[in-house]
Amino acid sequence: MSRAENRYDPEAEARTQRAALLADAVAGLTAERKTLPCKWLYDAEGARLFEDIIRLPEYYPTRTETAILRGCAAEVAALAGPGAAVVEFGSGSAEKVGLLFDAMERPAAYVPVDIAPEWLEEGAARVAAAHPGLTVLPVVADFTRPFPLPRLPRGTPLLGFFPGSTIGNFTPDTAREFLRMAGRILGPGSRMLIGADRVKDQAVLEAAYDDAAGVTAAFNMNLLARLNRELGADFDLSAFRHEARWNAEKERIEMHLVSLRPQLVRMAGRRLRFAGGETIHTENSHKYRPEGFTALCAAAGWQAERHWGDADGLFSVWLLKQEG
């Protein structure tokens, strides 16, 4: 497995991430409506819990998207062309990208990009082992911000890959900004394969984000445990509960951590007050109708070239192409 040219320094990266976590936590938890960015859900423990979530019976997105990708991989590979490189934004465990490499002709490279170093290395190693000879160039970065690609042969076609309905974690405005940024990173003529969850029955949606086994609740609560571990906070996890709610107006699932009583929390020399019933908003998962998603992509400079779905209308996979 090859590495990107920018040397990865684990200690420096840990300091950078801790500083960013502190800045986000202070800004979000001192706001009138308390929030924490969902990217901080994915430390090593969060990543482990998310791997459990995707196997739950209530959590339909992963198995549905995987089935769609199996069906469309050959067509995507043909459109991407021989010798293409795949850049995966937020690669995580990198379990789905192998479906593309199985179908692609002489893929040039795999560039997984993720903020969680341990998860990135594990996923990159898995892809390298499954596809001998494939150049794998992992990049530790916050994929929601501009980052440099490793050097690739001139003229290499680039295929962005953004599965898992992660686009739904952004508000529509930030989703457009992300897609514009991805277009600048990938360059003219590139393509992007992206998964988007669809609007559906409220009960199905809420069950997917509040499973009977409590795994999603543990995943959400781990964010407070992370603040305790990394920032020296003193959150009492028994004084909060997980809540998933459907916001019909904005067509999104919201995840919250609800304070069960009035309480005072200390974090990094600050005193944070919580009223009983007050929440920390930790994640959004926007759901899209096909016409709305097409318009979103067009506003960001991408043309919807193809899209595929399942028979039950639960999920869509879109192949986008850079306009111009």
Foldseek 3Di string as FASTA:
>chain_A
DDAFPPDDDPVVLLVVVLVVQVVQQVVQLPDPAHAHEQLLLDEPVLLVLVVVLCPDPLAPQPVFVLVFCLVCLLVVQVVLDAQAEEEEQACFLVPRCVSNVVNHHHHAAYEYEHQHVVRQVNNQVVSCVVDPPHHYYYDNDNLLDADADGDGPPPHAYEYEYEDLVLQQDQLVSSLVSLLRVCVRRDAFHKYKYKAWAQDDQVSVQCSQQPPVCSNFVSVLVSVVVQCVSFVKDDDSVQWTWGWGADVVRQKIWIKIFGQAWDWMDTNNDIRTDHHGRIYTYTIGHHDDVVRVQVSNVSSQWHFPDKDGDPVRGMMMTMITGHD
